[in-house]
Amino acid sequence: MPTFRATNLATQEVTEYDAELPQAEHLGAGWQLSEVITPVPGPDDPPPEPQPIYGGRRVLTHLEFLRLFTMEERIAMRRASKLSEVLEDYLDLLKLAQEINLDDPDTVAGVQMMEAGELIGAGRAAGVLRG
């Protein structure tokens, strides 16, 4: 959560507060929002959780789903599908799908299969399935 710093122009009083957005009383006449302080994570702080690309939607279009993968990953999937009937079948089903539900057991299994087959990096399945 950011820290906002507001200055009262009449008294030069400085107020700091933590909030998602600046408080309305500090945006009006007589106040100047002079600085926003963004906390810097320390070395022992866990890394921030990546935010979903599509606003947390769990049902995506085929194109949106494929864009969760890098170009290199998509190319690796297509190449590997020429050698794996199971992967080829999964990708064929994806092509036919009108939408992809990230919670569908087939979607979860398919993405985990790609990670297990090293077509996507370690830990990428969880990121893709997070959206």
C-alpha atoms as a PDB file:
ATOM      1  CA  MET A   1       0.000   0.000   0.000  1.00  0.00           C
ATOM      2  CA  PRO A   2       1.502   3.377  -0.920  1.00  0.00           C
ATOM      3  CA  THR A   3       2.138   6.211   1.492  1.00  0.00           C
ATOM      4  CA  PHE A   4       0.842   9.618   0.413  1.00  0.00           C
ATOM      5  CA  ARG A   5       2.374  12.914   1.506  1.00  0.00           C
ATOM      6  CA  ALA A   6       0.151  15.988   1.409  1.00  0.00           C
ATOM      7  CA  THR A   7       1.126  19.555   2.289  1.00  0.00           C
ATOM      8  CA  ASN A   8      -1.296  22.162   3.649  1.00  0.00           C
ATOM      9  CA  LEU A   9      -0.382  25.223   1.603  1.00  0.00           C
ATOM     10  CA  ALA A  10      -1.561  27.691   4.267  1.00  0.00           C
ATOM     11  CA  THR A  11       0.297  26.185   7.247  1.00  0.00           C
ATOM     12  CA  GLN A  12       2.962  24.113   5.436  1.00  0.00           C
ATOM     13  CA  GLU A  13       1.833  21.206   7.629  1.00  0.00           C
ATOM     14  CA  VAL A  14       2.825  17.873   6.062  1.00  0.00           C
ATOM     15  CA  THR A  15       0.626  14.827   6.509  1.00  0.00           C
ATOM     16  CA  GLU A  16       1.569  11.263   5.545  1.00  0.00           C
ATOM     17  CA  TYR A  17      -0.860   8.368   5.440  1.00  0.00           C
ATOM     18  CA  ASP A  18      -1.163   4.858   4.010  1.00  0.00           C
ATOM     19  CA  ALA A  19      -4.082   4.319   1.659  1.00  0.00           C
ATOM     20  CA  GLU A  20      -4.912   2.758  -1.686  1.00  0.00           C
ATOM     21  CA  LEU A  21      -5.877   6.201  -3.057  1.00  0.00           C
ATOM     22  CA  PRO A  22      -5.268   9.766  -1.880  1.00  0.00           C
ATOM     23  CA  GLN A  23      -7.835  11.031   0.614  1.00  0.00           C
ATOM     24  CA  ALA A  24     -10.306  13.481  -0.910  1.00  0.00           C
ATOM     25  CA  GLU A  25      -9.671  16.142   1.747  1.00  0.00           C
ATOM     26  CA  HIS A  26      -6.043  16.359   0.591  1.00  0.00           C
ATOM     27  CA  LEU A  27      -6.942  16.832  -3.064  1.00  0.00           C
ATOM     28  CA  GLY A  28      -8.965  20.001  -2.680  1.00  0.00           C
ATOM     29  CA  ALA A  29      -7.966  23.643  -2.562  1.00  0.00           C
ATOM     30  CA  GLY A  30      -5.390  24.413   0.059  1.00  0.00           C
ATOM     31  CA  TRP A  31      -3.610  21.068  -0.197  1.00  0.00           C
ATOM     32  CA  GLN A  32      -0.903  19.836  -2.502  1.00  0.00           C
ATOM     33  CA  LEU A  33      -0.207  16.160  -2.954  1.00  0.00           C
ATOM     34  CA  SER A  34       3.550  16.564  -3.050  1.00  0.00           C
ATOM     35  CA  GLU A  35       4.832  13.008  -3.147  1.00  0.00           C
ATOM     36  CA  VAL A  36       3.760   9.409  -3.231  1.00  0.00           C
ATOM     37  CA  ILE A  37       6.087   7.063  -1.430  1.00  0.00           C
ATOM     38  CA  THR A  38       6.046   3.527  -2.756  1.00  0.00           C
ATOM     39  CA  PRO A  39       7.401   0.994  -0.294  1.00  0.00           C
ATOM     40  CA  VAL A  40      10.542  -0.782  -1.398  1.00  0.00           C
ATOM     41  CA  PRO A  41      10.598  -4.484  -0.517  1.00  0.00           C
ATOM     42  CA  GLY A  42      13.399  -5.530   1.786  1.00  0.00           C
ATOM     43  CA  PRO A  43      15.718  -8.468   1.116  1.00  0.00           C
ATOM     44  CA  ASP A  44      13.689 -10.751   3.422  1.00  0.00           C
ATOM     45  CA  ASP A  45      10.290  -9.748   2.006  1.00  0.00           C
ATOM     46  CA  PRO A  46       8.626 -12.311  -0.255  1.00  0.00           C
ATOM     47  CA  PRO A  47       8.356 -11.280  -3.897  1.00  0.00           C
ATOM     48  CA  PRO A  48       4.998  -9.785  -4.839  1.00  0.00           C
ATOM     49  CA  GLU A  49       2.443 -12.180  -6.264  1.00  0.00           C
ATOM     50  CA  PRO A  50       2.159 -11.683 -10.035  1.00  0.00           C
ATOM     51  CA  GLN A  51      -1.135 -10.134 -11.036  1.00  0.00           C
ATOM     52  CA  PRO A  52      -3.413 -11.943 -13.480  1.00  0.00           C
ATOM     53  CA  ILE A  53      -3.143 -10.571 -16.994  1.00  0.00           C
ATOM     54  CA  TYR A  54      -6.873 -10.638 -17.726  1.00  0.00           C
ATOM     55  CA  GLY A  55      -8.138  -9.127 -14.478  1.00  0.00           C
ATOM     56  CA  GLY A  56      -8.667 -12.434 -12.740  1.00  0.00           C
ATOM     57  CA  ARG A  57     -11.133 -13.836 -15.299  1.00  0.00           C
ATOM     58  CA  ARG A  58     -11.046 -17.628 -15.240  1.00  0.00           C
ATOM     59  CA  VAL A  59     -12.647 -18.138 -18.659  1.00  0.00           C
ATOM     60  CA  LEU A  60     -10.560 -16.862 -21.563  1.00  0.00           C
ATOM     61  CA  THR A  61     -10.757 -16.872 -25.321  1.00  0.00           C
ATOM     62  CA  HIS A  62      -8.436 -19.255 -27.128  1.00  0.00           C
ATOM     63  CA  LEU A  63      -6.207 -16.335 -28.131  1.00  0.00           C
ATOM     64  CA  GLU A  64      -6.077 -14.934 -24.587  1.00  0.00           C
ATOM     65  CA  PHE A  65      -5.110 -18.352 -23.251  1.00  0.00           C
ATOM     66  CA  LEU A  66      -2.318 -18.793 -25.778  1.00  0.00           C
ATOM     67  CA  ARG A  67      -1.004 -15.322 -24.959  1.00  0.00           C
ATOM     68  CA  LEU A  68      -0.339 -16.530 -21.409  1.00  0.00           C
ATOM     69  CA  PHE A  69       2.586 -18.429 -22.960  1.00  0.00           C
ATOM     70  CA  THR A  70       5.680 -16.865 -24.469  1.00  0.00           C
ATOM     71  CA  MET A  71       6.295 -17.146 -28.202  1.00  0.00           C
ATOM     72  CA  GLU A  72       9.150 -19.571 -27.497  1.00  0.00           C
ATOM     73  CA  GLU A  73       6.833 -21.753 -25.402  1.00  0.00           C
ATOM     74  CA  ARG A  74       4.149 -21.812 -28.103  1.00  0.00           C
ATOM     75  CA  ILE A  75       6.715 -22.812 -30.729  1.00  0.00           C
ATOM     76  CA  ALA A  76       8.059 -25.556 -28.448  1.00  0.00           C
ATOM     77  CA  MET A  77       4.520 -26.876 -27.952  1.00  0.00           C
ATOM     78  CA  ARG A  78       3.838 -27.047 -31.679  1.00  0.00           C
ATOM     79  CA  ARG A  79       7.163 -28.793 -32.353  1.00  0.00           C
ATOM     80  CA  ALA A  80       6.640 -31.291 -29.538  1.00  0.00           C
ATOM     81  CA  SER A  81       3.100 -32.044 -30.702  1.00  0.00           C
ATOM     82  CA  LYS A  82       4.590 -33.587 -33.846  1.00  0.00           C
ATOM     83  CA  LEU A  83       6.251 -36.192 -31.628  1.00  0.00           C
ATOM     84  CA  SER A  84       3.556 -36.679 -28.986  1.00  0.00           C
ATOM     85  CA  GLU A  85       0.065 -37.818 -29.880  1.00  0.00           C
ATOM     86  CA  VAL A  86      -1.148 -36.856 -26.405  1.00  0.00           C
ATOM     87  CA  LEU A  87       0.085 -33.267 -26.788  1.00  0.00           C
ATOM     88  CA  GLU A  88      -1.186 -33.123 -30.355  1.00  0.00           C
ATOM     89  CA  ASP A  89      -4.631 -34.199 -29.139  1.00  0.00           C
ATOM     90  CA  TYR A  90      -4.615 -31.566 -26.387  1.00  0.00           C
ATOM     91  CA  LEU A  91      -3.627 -28.770 -28.786  1.00  0.00           C
ATOM     92  CA  ASP A  92      -6.285 -29.918 -31.265  1.00  0.00           C
ATOM     93  CA  LEU A  93      -8.926 -29.701 -28.531  1.00  0.00           C
ATOM     94  CA  LEU A  94      -7.695 -26.193 -27.682  1.00  0.00           C
ATOM     95  CA  LYS A  95      -8.114 -25.139 -31.317  1.00  0.00           C
ATOM     96  CA  LEU A  96     -11.738 -26.264 -31.268  1.00  0.00           C
ATOM     97  CA  ALA A  97     -12.598 -24.637 -27.950  1.00  0.00           C
ATOM     98  CA  GLN A  98     -14.687 -21.469 -27.992  1.00  0.00           C
ATOM     99  CA  GLU A  99     -13.297 -20.580 -24.577  1.00  0.00           C
ATOM    100  CA  ILE A 100     -10.731 -21.952 -22.145  1.00  0.00           C
ATOM    101  CA  ASN A 101     -11.649 -22.333 -18.474  1.00  0.00           C
ATOM    102  CA  LEU A 102      -8.493 -22.151 -16.342  1.00  0.00           C
ATOM    103  CA  ASP A 103     -10.193 -24.283 -13.679  1.00  0.00           C
ATOM    104  CA  ASP A 104     -11.180 -27.084 -16.065  1.00  0.00           C
ATOM    105  CA  PRO A 105      -9.388 -30.343 -15.154  1.00  0.00           C
ATOM    106  CA  ASP A 106      -8.332 -30.854 -18.796  1.00  0.00           C
ATOM    107  CA  THR A 107      -6.792 -27.364 -18.912  1.00  0.00           C
ATOM    108  CA  VAL A 108      -4.941 -27.944 -15.638  1.00  0.00           C
ATOM    109  CA  ALA A 109      -3.686 -31.360 -16.778  1.00  0.00           C
ATOM    110  CA  GLY A 110      -2.600 -30.039 -20.174  1.00  0.00           C
ATOM    111  CA  VAL A 111      -0.640 -27.119 -18.761  1.00  0.00           C
ATOM    112  CA  GLN A 112       0.973 -29.345 -16.130  1.00  0.00           C
ATOM    113  CA  MET A 113       1.872 -31.833 -18.882  1.00  0.00           C
ATOM    114  CA  MET A 114       3.667 -29.059 -20.764  1.00  0.00           C
ATOM    115  CA  GLU A 115       5.663 -28.155 -17.671  1.00  0.00           C
ATOM    116  CA  ALA A 116       6.491 -31.801 -16.924  1.00  0.00           C
ATOM    117  CA  GLY A 117       7.667 -32.191 -20.534  1.00  0.00           C
ATOM    118  CA  GLU A 118       9.832 -29.064 -20.105  1.00  0.00           C
ATOM    119  CA  LEU A 119       8.014 -27.206 -22.876  1.00  0.00           C
ATOM    120  CA  ILE A 120       7.475 -24.414 -20.384  1.00  0.00           C
ATOM    121  CA  GLY A 121       9.745 -23.532 -17.476  1.00  0.00           C
ATOM    122  CA  ALA A 122       9.540 -24.887 -13.952  1.00  0.00           C
ATOM    123  CA  GLY A 123       6.763 -23.122 -12.068  1.00  0.00           C
ATOM    124  CA  ARG A 124       5.206 -21.699 -15.248  1.00  0.00           C
ATOM    125  CA  ALA A 125       2.150 -23.978 -15.041  1.00  0.00           C
ATOM    126  CA  ALA A 126       1.030 -22.277 -11.832  1.00  0.00           C
ATOM    127  CA  GLY A 127       1.548 -18.851 -13.422  1.00  0.00           C
ATOM    128  CA  VAL A 128      -0.404 -19.754 -16.550  1.00  0.00           C
ATOM    129  CA  LEU A 129      -3.244 -21.274 -14.544  1.00  0.00           C
ATOM    130  CA  ARG A 130      -3.361 -18.153 -12.354  1.00  0.00           C
ATOM    131  CA  GLY A 131      -4.198 -16.243 -15.531  1.00  0.00           C
END
